[in-house]
Amino acid sequence: MGHAARPSRLGRLEDNPRGARRATPTTWPPAGEFPHDLAASASVAADARCLTGRNPASELVARCGKLAGVTRHTSLWLIAILIGGSACSDKDDGAAHGQASPCANVVCVEALPTTQTGSTASSSRSAFDTYSCPAAVNRDLSGAEVVHRVTLAEEGFLSVAMTSGPSDGFLLLLGADDAATCIDAHSTNVGAWLGPGSYFVVVDGKAGSEGEFALNAALTTPARLQADGVDPALAADALTIYKNAWAWGATRRSEYVVVDFRLHSAQPREWVYDLSTGALLWKLRVAHGRKSTDGVDLAHAVTFSNVSGSNQSSLGLARSAGTYSGTFGPSFRLEGLEPGFNDNTCSRDIVMHPWSPVGDAYVTKCGWARPSLGCPAIDDQVSLPVRDRLARPEGGPRDAGVLMLFWYPDTDWHAASTYLRGTEAGPALAAQMAVECDSSQDGTPQAGGTYACD
């Protein structure tokens, strides 16, 4: 047994709140008290990592004391080696009290964010064939599954993305280790706003189509966004809007774009996240519409519009649509999701396109990013990878578009947004989510106008 070679500075045993015993520094064992038959002692104490009695040290002392030549001091020394500073972990607590371990048939995720890999083909578990989520009711999920237990210490949006998997693989989020507690289900992405507690992420599929998978999971809280410089009020609003939009079916993408139009245009004020990994992908400058300024201070947007020809930015939640190559290069269209506030986004040709006057050279020269005709244009030096990551894939469903929030407080939009203030989508919002913007033609407007700094 490899522990025999450890240094003798171990400790005396003290109770901890879980009933296991931990070591506190002292010198063990006393001279002449080493076990005479360590192998025999180990065979009796092999299960000592999680002792089961009300007085576990005394219990094991009594058991080990039956061995020839093993004194009470020796037994205590052996216990200290076996459990030392690593008494029962959370995943062993059930077994420690004579119950089944909560991690016996599931993968216990120790911390978030996480990347998990595995294979349903090597799983011996096939307890779930039907689930309560509508998306899973008529799906063949008769194969073996792999279940992950995720424990949350605080509330937030849990986002899970299966980045690769079997051809018929399916992802499910459960409120308990019970198929009847299904919260969300999808082929690649699941998520929900959840409170503290334990939840279960299941990779399942059709019998005979099992295989390897990889998934990412992360919990996003307002504090997480604030750590990247997002205003606290915006952080709270952004996650409220995202959780509602997700629940109402606006997207199945874990990427999320948040824009703070209160900030000076020379500042990076567009945050691009992947909520399934917890990663900030980009922090960018973004243009506002030239008529959104007061005409004097060109660096700040103060008014917003949904009217064609206004040359103003629109507020509210939008969604990325398909790609095209236009006047300024590779671009992608946007779909406004809020009736009355940005539902004319497509017909106004409001798109995300490359825009060199948002880049470092222009901003260094002028002190602000040049306004557009209403488009949230970004630096042409990074626009292509941003477009490739955020645009809806060609031929993809509408919910394969990425949500993009354009925010400004103390406005009509902020007071009335259903995504921010509502409890359900309603017919008008549902109809707007179903509208798809045609990306087959160049909709990029010309730059229009010149400025003294140009």
Protein backbone atom coordinates (compact mmCIF):
# COMPACT_ATOMS: atom_id res chain seq x y z
CA MET A 1 0.00 0.00 0.00
CA GLY A 2 1.65 3.22 -1.20
CA HIS A 3 0.70 5.27 1.85
CA ALA A 4 3.27 3.49 4.04
CA ALA A 5 6.09 5.62 2.64
CA ARG A 6 4.42 8.95 3.55
CA PRO A 7 6.06 11.23 6.14
CA SER A 8 4.79 10.69 9.65
CA ARG A 9 3.52 14.25 10.20
CA LEU A 10 -0.19 13.55 9.90
CA GLY A 11 -2.49 14.71 12.68
CA ARG A 12 -5.08 13.93 15.26
CA LEU A 13 -8.61 13.33 14.09
CA GLU A 14 -11.34 15.92 14.56
CA ASP A 15 -15.02 15.96 13.60
CA ASN A 16 -16.12 18.10 10.67
CA PRO A 17 -19.74 19.06 9.87
CA ARG A 18 -20.26 16.04 7.57
CA GLY A 19 -19.36 13.49 10.20
CA ALA A 20 -16.10 12.49 8.55
CA ARG A 21 -12.82 13.02 10.36
CA ARG A 22 -10.02 15.36 9.31
CA ALA A 23 -6.40 15.53 10.37
CA THR A 24 -4.89 18.44 12.33
CA PRO A 25 -1.10 18.72 12.53
CA THR A 26 0.76 16.76 15.21
CA THR A 27 3.28 13.91 15.02
CA TRP A 28 2.10 10.37 14.27
CA PRO A 29 2.68 7.58 14.97
CA PRO A 30 4.60 7.51 18.27
CA ALA A 31 7.92 5.72 18.10
CA GLY A 32 7.52 1.96 17.81
CA GLU A 33 3.86 2.10 16.87
CA PHE A 34 4.04 1.32 13.10
CA PRO A 35 1.70 -1.47 11.96
CA HIS A 36 3.07 -4.98 12.09
CA ASP A 37 0.91 -6.05 9.17
CA LEU A 38 -0.01 -3.00 7.11
CA ALA A 39 -1.47 -5.06 4.28
CA ALA A 40 -3.87 -6.79 6.65
CA SER A 41 -4.85 -3.47 8.21
CA ALA A 42 -5.48 -2.04 4.74
CA SER A 43 -7.79 -4.93 3.82
CA VAL A 44 -9.99 -4.14 6.83
CA ALA A 45 -9.88 -0.37 6.32
CA ALA A 46 -10.12 -0.22 2.51
CA ASP A 47 -13.51 1.46 2.70
CA ALA A 48 -12.38 4.07 5.23
CA ARG A 49 -12.57 6.96 2.74
CA CYS A 50 -16.21 7.28 3.71
CA LEU A 51 -16.90 5.88 7.17
CA THR A 52 -20.48 4.99 7.97
CA GLY A 53 -20.92 5.05 11.75
CA ARG A 54 -21.86 7.86 14.10
CA ASN A 55 -18.34 7.65 15.57
CA PRO A 56 -16.32 6.56 12.52
CA ALA A 57 -12.88 6.71 14.12
CA SER A 58 -13.94 4.52 17.02
CA GLU A 59 -15.68 2.17 14.62
CA LEU A 60 -12.57 1.64 12.52
CA VAL A 61 -10.34 1.43 15.62
CA ALA A 62 -12.51 -1.41 16.89
CA ARG A 63 -12.36 -3.21 13.55
CA CYS A 64 -8.63 -2.77 13.06
CA GLY A 65 -7.95 -3.62 16.69
CA LYS A 66 -9.04 -7.19 16.00
CA LEU A 67 -5.94 -7.68 13.90
CA ALA A 68 -3.08 -9.41 15.64
CA GLY A 69 -0.39 -7.01 16.80
CA VAL A 70 -2.28 -3.83 15.84
CA THR A 71 -2.63 -1.40 18.75
CA ARG A 72 -5.08 1.44 19.13
CA HIS A 73 -2.35 3.97 18.26
CA THR A 74 -1.54 2.04 15.09
CA SER A 75 -5.18 1.95 14.07
CA LEU A 76 -5.50 5.69 14.49
CA TRP A 77 -2.36 6.16 12.42
CA LEU A 78 -3.83 4.01 9.65
CA ILE A 79 -7.08 5.98 9.71
CA ALA A 80 -5.16 9.23 9.41
CA ILE A 81 -3.33 7.91 6.34
CA LEU A 82 -6.51 6.66 4.71
CA ILE A 83 -8.67 9.74 5.20
CA GLY A 84 -6.04 12.39 6.05
CA GLY A 85 -6.91 15.78 4.63
CA SER A 86 -9.26 14.39 1.99
CA ALA A 87 -12.28 13.19 3.89
CA CYS A 88 -15.47 12.39 2.06
CA SER A 89 -16.12 14.72 -0.85
CA ASP A 90 -19.58 15.89 -1.80
CA LYS A 91 -19.85 13.14 -4.36
CA ASP A 92 -19.27 10.52 -1.63
CA ASP A 93 -21.65 11.96 0.95
CA GLY A 94 -24.49 9.60 0.09
CA ALA A 95 -22.28 6.55 0.39
CA ALA A 96 -20.90 7.89 3.66
CA HIS A 97 -24.33 7.62 5.24
CA GLY A 98 -25.34 4.31 3.73
CA GLN A 99 -27.10 5.85 0.73
CA ALA A 100 -26.37 5.64 -2.97
CA SER A 101 -23.75 8.17 -4.06
CA PRO A 102 -25.31 11.00 -6.12
CA CYS A 103 -22.45 10.53 -8.58
CA ALA A 104 -22.76 6.74 -8.90
CA ASN A 105 -24.48 6.84 -12.31
CA VAL A 106 -23.85 10.42 -13.40
CA VAL A 107 -20.91 12.67 -14.19
CA CYS A 108 -20.63 15.25 -11.41
CA VAL A 109 -19.45 18.57 -12.80
CA GLU A 110 -17.23 20.17 -10.19
CA ALA A 111 -17.15 23.76 -11.49
CA LEU A 112 -18.37 26.04 -14.28
CA PRO A 113 -17.53 26.89 -16.98
CA THR A 114 -16.74 23.36 -18.10
CA THR A 115 -16.00 21.28 -21.18
CA GLN A 116 -17.16 17.68 -20.97
CA THR A 117 -16.37 14.86 -23.38
CA GLY A 118 -17.66 11.33 -23.39
CA SER A 119 -19.47 8.66 -25.35
CA THR A 120 -22.98 7.32 -25.14
CA ALA A 121 -21.63 4.17 -26.78
CA SER A 122 -19.67 3.30 -23.66
CA SER A 123 -22.48 4.20 -21.25
CA SER A 124 -24.23 1.40 -19.37
CA ARG A 125 -27.11 3.66 -18.41
CA SER A 126 -30.36 3.57 -20.40
CA ALA A 127 -32.96 4.65 -17.88
CA PHE A 128 -34.62 7.41 -19.95
CA ASP A 129 -36.45 6.83 -23.23
CA THR A 130 -39.11 9.55 -23.05
CA TYR A 131 -38.94 13.07 -21.62
CA SER A 132 -41.57 15.65 -20.68
CA CYS A 133 -40.22 18.51 -22.86
CA PRO A 134 -42.39 19.08 -25.97
CA ALA A 135 -39.31 19.03 -28.23
CA ALA A 136 -38.47 15.52 -27.01
CA VAL A 137 -41.93 13.92 -26.79
CA ASN A 138 -42.00 12.43 -30.30
CA ARG A 139 -38.27 11.82 -30.60
CA ASP A 140 -36.68 8.35 -30.48
CA LEU A 141 -34.35 8.51 -27.48
CA SER A 142 -34.16 4.78 -26.82
CA GLY A 143 -30.37 4.62 -26.70
CA ALA A 144 -27.96 4.83 -23.81
CA GLU A 145 -27.51 8.22 -22.18
CA VAL A 146 -24.82 10.09 -20.28
CA VAL A 147 -26.07 12.28 -17.44
CA HIS A 148 -24.15 15.22 -15.94
CA ARG A 149 -25.05 16.74 -12.58
CA VAL A 150 -24.42 20.50 -12.43
CA THR A 151 -24.72 22.26 -9.07
CA LEU A 152 -25.31 26.02 -9.07
CA ALA A 153 -24.42 28.16 -6.06
CA GLU A 154 -26.28 31.22 -7.40
CA GLU A 155 -28.96 32.10 -9.90
CA GLY A 156 -28.11 32.88 -13.49
CA PHE A 157 -28.52 31.70 -17.06
CA LEU A 158 -27.15 28.19 -17.56
CA SER A 159 -26.16 27.71 -21.20
CA VAL A 160 -25.11 24.32 -22.57
CA ALA A 161 -23.93 23.69 -26.13
CA MET A 162 -23.13 20.28 -27.63
CA THR A 163 -20.31 21.14 -30.01
CA SER A 164 -20.07 17.64 -31.47
CA GLY A 165 -22.05 14.48 -31.03
CA PRO A 166 -23.71 11.42 -32.56
CA SER A 167 -25.84 11.94 -35.66
CA ASP A 168 -29.04 11.43 -33.66
CA GLY A 169 -27.69 12.97 -30.46
CA PHE A 170 -30.03 15.08 -28.35
CA LEU A 171 -29.39 17.39 -25.42
CA LEU A 172 -31.74 17.76 -22.45
CA LEU A 173 -31.78 19.88 -19.28
CA LEU A 174 -33.61 18.37 -16.30
CA GLY A 175 -34.61 19.73 -12.92
CA ALA A 176 -33.82 16.38 -11.27
CA ASP A 177 -32.47 12.97 -12.26
CA ASP A 178 -35.91 12.25 -13.66
CA ALA A 179 -37.07 12.46 -17.29
CA ALA A 180 -40.39 13.94 -16.13
CA THR A 181 -38.60 17.12 -14.93
CA CYS A 182 -37.41 18.25 -18.36
CA ILE A 183 -36.76 22.01 -18.54
CA ASP A 184 -35.35 22.33 -22.06
CA ALA A 185 -34.42 20.09 -24.98
CA HIS A 186 -32.73 20.61 -28.35
CA SER A 187 -30.35 18.91 -30.74
CA THR A 188 -27.43 21.23 -29.92
CA ASN A 189 -28.22 23.92 -27.31
CA VAL A 190 -30.22 24.04 -24.09
CA GLY A 191 -30.48 26.68 -21.41
CA ALA A 192 -32.63 28.41 -18.81
CA TRP A 193 -32.53 30.96 -16.03
CA LEU A 194 -32.11 28.83 -12.91
CA GLY A 195 -31.84 29.32 -9.18
CA PRO A 196 -29.32 27.67 -6.85
CA GLY A 197 -29.47 23.88 -6.79
CA SER A 198 -28.56 20.78 -8.76
CA TYR A 199 -29.63 20.22 -12.37
CA PHE A 200 -28.96 17.45 -14.88
CA VAL A 201 -27.69 17.71 -18.45
CA VAL A 202 -28.36 14.60 -20.52
CA VAL A 203 -26.87 13.50 -23.82
CA ASP A 204 -29.24 10.91 -25.30
CA GLY A 205 -30.17 9.53 -28.69
CA LYS A 206 -31.55 6.71 -30.75
CA ALA A 207 -30.51 3.16 -29.98
CA GLY A 208 -27.79 2.07 -32.38
CA SER A 209 -26.57 5.61 -33.08
CA GLU A 210 -24.57 6.15 -29.89
CA GLY A 211 -21.19 7.82 -30.14
CA GLU A 212 -18.77 10.40 -28.81
CA PHE A 213 -19.78 13.91 -27.83
CA ALA A 214 -18.37 17.16 -26.48
CA LEU A 215 -20.26 19.90 -24.71
CA ASN A 216 -19.63 23.25 -23.04
CA ALA A 217 -21.57 24.69 -20.12
CA ALA A 218 -21.37 27.97 -18.22
CA LEU A 219 -23.47 30.08 -15.88
CA THR A 220 -23.82 33.77 -16.71
CA THR A 221 -24.79 36.27 -14.02
CA PRO A 222 -25.03 40.07 -14.05
CA ALA A 223 -21.79 40.14 -12.06
CA ARG A 224 -20.09 38.16 -14.82
CA LEU A 225 -20.99 40.82 -17.40
CA GLN A 226 -20.04 43.64 -15.05
CA ALA A 227 -16.57 42.12 -14.72
CA ASP A 228 -16.04 43.01 -18.40
CA GLY A 229 -17.11 46.60 -17.91
CA VAL A 230 -20.82 46.25 -18.72
CA ASP A 231 -22.90 48.81 -16.80
CA PRO A 232 -24.79 47.12 -13.89
CA ALA A 233 -28.19 48.25 -15.19
CA LEU A 234 -27.38 46.99 -18.68
CA ALA A 235 -26.07 43.69 -17.30
CA ALA A 236 -29.34 43.07 -15.47
CA ASP A 237 -31.48 44.12 -18.45
CA ALA A 238 -29.42 42.10 -20.93
CA LEU A 239 -29.89 38.84 -19.05
CA THR A 240 -33.60 39.45 -18.44
CA ILE A 241 -34.06 40.03 -22.15
CA TYR A 242 -31.97 37.02 -23.14
CA LYS A 243 -33.73 34.60 -20.79
CA ASN A 244 -37.16 35.70 -22.05
CA ALA A 245 -36.13 35.63 -25.71
CA TRP A 246 -34.67 32.16 -25.20
CA ALA A 247 -37.76 30.85 -23.44
CA TRP A 248 -40.01 32.30 -26.14
CA GLY A 249 -38.07 30.72 -29.01
CA ALA A 250 -36.25 33.69 -30.54
CA THR A 251 -32.90 31.89 -30.70
CA ARG A 252 -31.01 28.66 -30.09
CA ARG A 253 -27.60 30.29 -30.22
CA SER A 254 -25.40 30.75 -27.18
CA GLU A 255 -23.65 33.84 -28.59
CA TYR A 256 -25.03 37.17 -27.41
CA VAL A 257 -24.20 40.74 -28.48
CA VAL A 258 -24.74 43.63 -26.08
CA VAL A 259 -24.37 47.28 -27.18
CA ASP A 260 -24.42 50.28 -24.81
CA PHE A 261 -25.35 53.30 -26.91
CA ARG A 262 -24.90 55.64 -23.94
CA LEU A 263 -21.15 55.43 -24.25
CA HIS A 264 -18.83 57.67 -26.30
CA SER A 265 -18.33 56.21 -29.78
CA ALA A 266 -14.55 56.10 -29.37
CA GLN A 267 -15.01 53.56 -26.58
CA PRO A 268 -15.49 49.85 -27.21
CA ARG A 269 -19.20 49.56 -26.39
CA GLU A 270 -20.17 46.28 -28.06
CA TRP A 271 -19.58 43.08 -26.11
CA VAL A 272 -19.81 39.74 -27.91
CA TYR A 273 -20.20 36.70 -25.64
CA ASP A 274 -20.48 32.97 -25.91
CA LEU A 275 -22.67 32.15 -22.92
CA SER A 276 -21.97 28.41 -23.19
CA THR A 277 -18.27 28.94 -22.44
CA GLY A 278 -18.50 32.15 -20.43
CA ALA A 279 -16.05 33.74 -22.87
CA LEU A 280 -15.95 37.35 -24.02
CA LEU A 281 -15.22 36.86 -27.73
CA TRP A 282 -14.81 40.52 -28.71
CA LYS A 283 -15.17 43.99 -27.27
CA LEU A 284 -15.64 46.37 -30.18
CA ARG A 285 -16.35 49.90 -31.22
CA VAL A 286 -19.64 50.28 -33.05
CA ALA A 287 -21.13 53.19 -35.02
CA HIS A 288 -24.45 54.89 -34.35
CA GLY A 289 -26.62 56.72 -36.88
CA ARG A 290 -25.59 60.27 -37.76
CA LYS A 291 -29.09 61.66 -37.06
CA SER A 292 -29.03 59.97 -33.64
CA THR A 293 -26.64 62.73 -32.52
CA ASP A 294 -27.60 66.31 -31.67
CA GLY A 295 -25.52 67.50 -34.65
CA VAL A 296 -22.87 69.04 -32.42
CA ASP A 297 -21.58 66.20 -30.28
CA LEU A 298 -21.09 63.49 -32.89
CA ALA A 299 -19.68 61.02 -30.39
CA HIS A 300 -22.91 60.41 -28.49
CA ALA A 301 -26.26 59.03 -29.64
CA VAL A 302 -29.26 60.70 -28.00
CA THR A 303 -32.28 59.95 -30.22
CA PHE A 304 -33.44 56.77 -31.91
CA SER A 305 -35.94 55.81 -34.56
CA ASN A 306 -37.61 52.93 -36.37
CA VAL A 307 -38.55 55.12 -39.36
CA SER A 308 -37.11 54.57 -42.82
CA GLY A 309 -34.92 57.47 -43.95
CA SER A 310 -34.37 58.76 -40.41
CA ASN A 311 -30.66 57.82 -40.47
CA GLN A 312 -31.01 57.02 -36.78
CA SER A 313 -30.10 53.91 -34.84
CA SER A 314 -32.87 51.68 -33.50
CA LEU A 315 -33.08 50.32 -29.98
CA GLY A 316 -34.16 46.91 -28.80
CA LEU A 317 -33.50 43.26 -29.47
CA ALA A 318 -32.48 42.16 -32.95
CA ARG A 319 -31.27 38.90 -34.44
CA SER A 320 -28.57 38.18 -36.98
CA ALA A 321 -29.70 37.03 -40.40
CA GLY A 322 -27.80 35.82 -43.46
CA THR A 323 -24.59 37.06 -45.05
CA TYR A 324 -23.91 39.00 -48.23
CA SER A 325 -21.06 40.99 -49.77
CA GLY A 326 -22.05 44.61 -50.19
CA THR A 327 -20.70 48.08 -50.74
CA PHE A 328 -18.33 47.85 -47.80
CA GLY A 329 -17.50 44.15 -48.06
CA PRO A 330 -18.66 41.01 -46.24
CA SER A 331 -21.70 41.93 -44.14
CA PHE A 332 -24.79 40.39 -42.59
CA ARG A 333 -28.38 41.51 -42.26
CA LEU A 334 -30.35 42.03 -39.07
CA GLU A 335 -33.94 41.22 -38.09
CA GLY A 336 -35.66 43.51 -35.60
CA LEU A 337 -37.65 41.54 -33.02
CA GLU A 338 -39.54 44.36 -31.29
CA PRO A 339 -42.72 45.68 -32.97
CA GLY A 340 -42.83 49.46 -33.01
CA PHE A 341 -39.19 49.87 -32.04
CA ASN A 342 -37.05 48.04 -34.60
CA ASP A 343 -39.35 45.92 -36.76
CA ASN A 344 -38.39 48.00 -39.82
CA THR A 345 -34.74 47.02 -39.47
CA CYS A 346 -34.77 44.80 -42.56
CA SER A 347 -36.72 47.20 -44.80
CA ARG A 348 -34.47 50.08 -43.68
CA ASP A 349 -31.40 48.07 -44.73
CA ILE A 350 -29.94 48.29 -41.23
CA VAL A 351 -27.07 45.82 -41.40
CA MET A 352 -23.76 45.08 -39.73
CA HIS A 353 -21.01 45.93 -42.19
CA PRO A 354 -17.28 46.77 -42.15
CA TRP A 355 -16.56 50.45 -41.49
CA SER A 356 -13.01 51.74 -41.45
CA PRO A 357 -13.95 55.05 -39.69
CA VAL A 358 -14.67 52.96 -36.60
CA GLY A 359 -11.06 51.74 -36.58
CA ASP A 360 -8.07 52.97 -34.62
CA ALA A 361 -6.67 55.30 -37.29
CA TYR A 362 -9.86 57.34 -37.70
CA VAL A 363 -10.64 57.43 -33.99
CA THR A 364 -7.09 58.54 -33.15
CA LYS A 365 -7.35 61.31 -35.72
CA CYS A 366 -10.88 62.53 -34.95
CA GLY A 367 -11.51 61.44 -31.39
CA TRP A 368 -14.74 59.64 -32.23
CA ALA A 369 -16.05 56.95 -34.57
CA ARG A 370 -17.70 58.36 -37.66
CA PRO A 371 -21.51 58.00 -37.58
CA SER A 372 -23.25 55.82 -40.15
CA LEU A 373 -26.66 56.13 -41.77
CA GLY A 374 -28.11 54.01 -38.97
CA CYS A 375 -26.13 50.78 -39.27
CA PRO A 376 -24.23 49.35 -36.28
CA ALA A 377 -21.06 49.16 -38.36
CA ILE A 378 -17.83 47.74 -36.90
CA ASP A 379 -14.09 47.99 -37.57
CA ASP A 380 -13.23 46.47 -40.94
CA GLN A 381 -10.12 44.87 -39.44
CA VAL A 382 -12.21 42.43 -37.41
CA SER A 383 -15.53 42.41 -39.22
CA LEU A 384 -14.99 39.18 -41.18
CA PRO A 385 -14.41 36.82 -38.24
CA VAL A 386 -17.23 38.57 -36.36
CA ARG A 387 -19.56 38.10 -39.32
CA ASP A 388 -18.59 34.45 -39.72
CA ARG A 389 -19.27 33.78 -36.05
CA LEU A 390 -22.52 35.69 -35.67
CA ALA A 391 -24.40 35.48 -38.97
CA ARG A 392 -27.12 32.89 -39.40
CA PRO A 393 -25.78 29.93 -41.40
CA GLU A 394 -27.07 29.72 -44.95
CA GLY A 395 -30.28 27.74 -45.02
CA GLY A 396 -30.44 27.65 -41.22
CA PRO A 397 -33.67 28.11 -39.28
CA ARG A 398 -34.56 31.55 -37.93
CA ASP A 399 -33.56 30.58 -34.41
CA ALA A 400 -30.03 29.93 -35.64
CA GLY A 401 -29.53 33.70 -35.61
CA VAL A 402 -27.67 35.40 -32.75
CA LEU A 403 -29.45 37.85 -30.45
CA MET A 404 -28.13 41.42 -30.46
CA LEU A 405 -29.30 43.98 -27.90
CA PHE A 406 -29.02 47.71 -28.63
CA TRP A 407 -29.58 49.42 -25.28
CA TYR A 408 -30.27 52.89 -23.98
CA PRO A 409 -32.13 53.58 -20.71
CA ASP A 410 -34.82 56.17 -20.00
CA THR A 411 -36.43 55.79 -23.42
CA ASP A 412 -39.84 54.67 -24.66
CA TRP A 413 -38.31 51.37 -25.68
CA HIS A 414 -36.81 50.77 -22.22
CA ALA A 415 -40.14 51.44 -20.53
CA ALA A 416 -42.23 49.27 -22.86
CA SER A 417 -40.06 46.42 -24.20
CA THR A 418 -41.93 43.13 -23.86
CA TYR A 419 -38.65 41.23 -23.71
CA LEU A 420 -37.64 43.36 -20.73
CA ARG A 421 -40.99 43.94 -19.00
CA GLY A 422 -43.30 41.20 -20.23
CA THR A 423 -44.18 37.75 -18.94
CA GLU A 424 -45.11 36.15 -22.27
CA ALA A 425 -44.42 36.75 -25.92
CA GLY A 426 -47.94 37.45 -27.15
CA PRO A 427 -49.13 37.17 -30.78
CA ALA A 428 -47.44 40.34 -32.08
CA LEU A 429 -44.02 39.40 -30.73
CA ALA A 430 -44.37 35.80 -31.90
CA ALA A 431 -45.26 37.02 -35.40
CA GLN A 432 -42.25 39.32 -35.48
CA MET A 433 -39.93 36.50 -34.42
CA ALA A 434 -41.20 34.54 -37.43
CA VAL A 435 -40.21 37.24 -39.95
CA GLU A 436 -37.08 36.42 -41.94
CA CYS A 437 -34.98 39.07 -43.68
CA ASP A 438 -33.94 38.26 -47.24
CA SER A 439 -30.15 38.32 -47.45
CA SER A 440 -29.86 37.59 -51.15
CA GLN A 441 -29.16 41.18 -52.20
CA ASP A 442 -26.88 44.05 -51.23
CA GLY A 443 -28.74 46.25 -48.79
CA THR A 444 -25.82 48.35 -47.61
CA PRO A 445 -26.51 52.08 -47.98
CA GLN A 446 -23.83 54.49 -49.09
CA ALA A 447 -21.95 56.32 -46.37
CA GLY A 448 -23.60 59.67 -47.08
CA GLY A 449 -22.29 63.04 -45.93
CA THR A 450 -18.86 64.25 -44.96
CA TYR A 451 -17.41 65.65 -41.77
CA ALA A 452 -14.74 68.22 -41.11
CA CYS A 453 -12.47 65.52 -39.73
CA ASP A 454 -12.68 63.32 -42.84
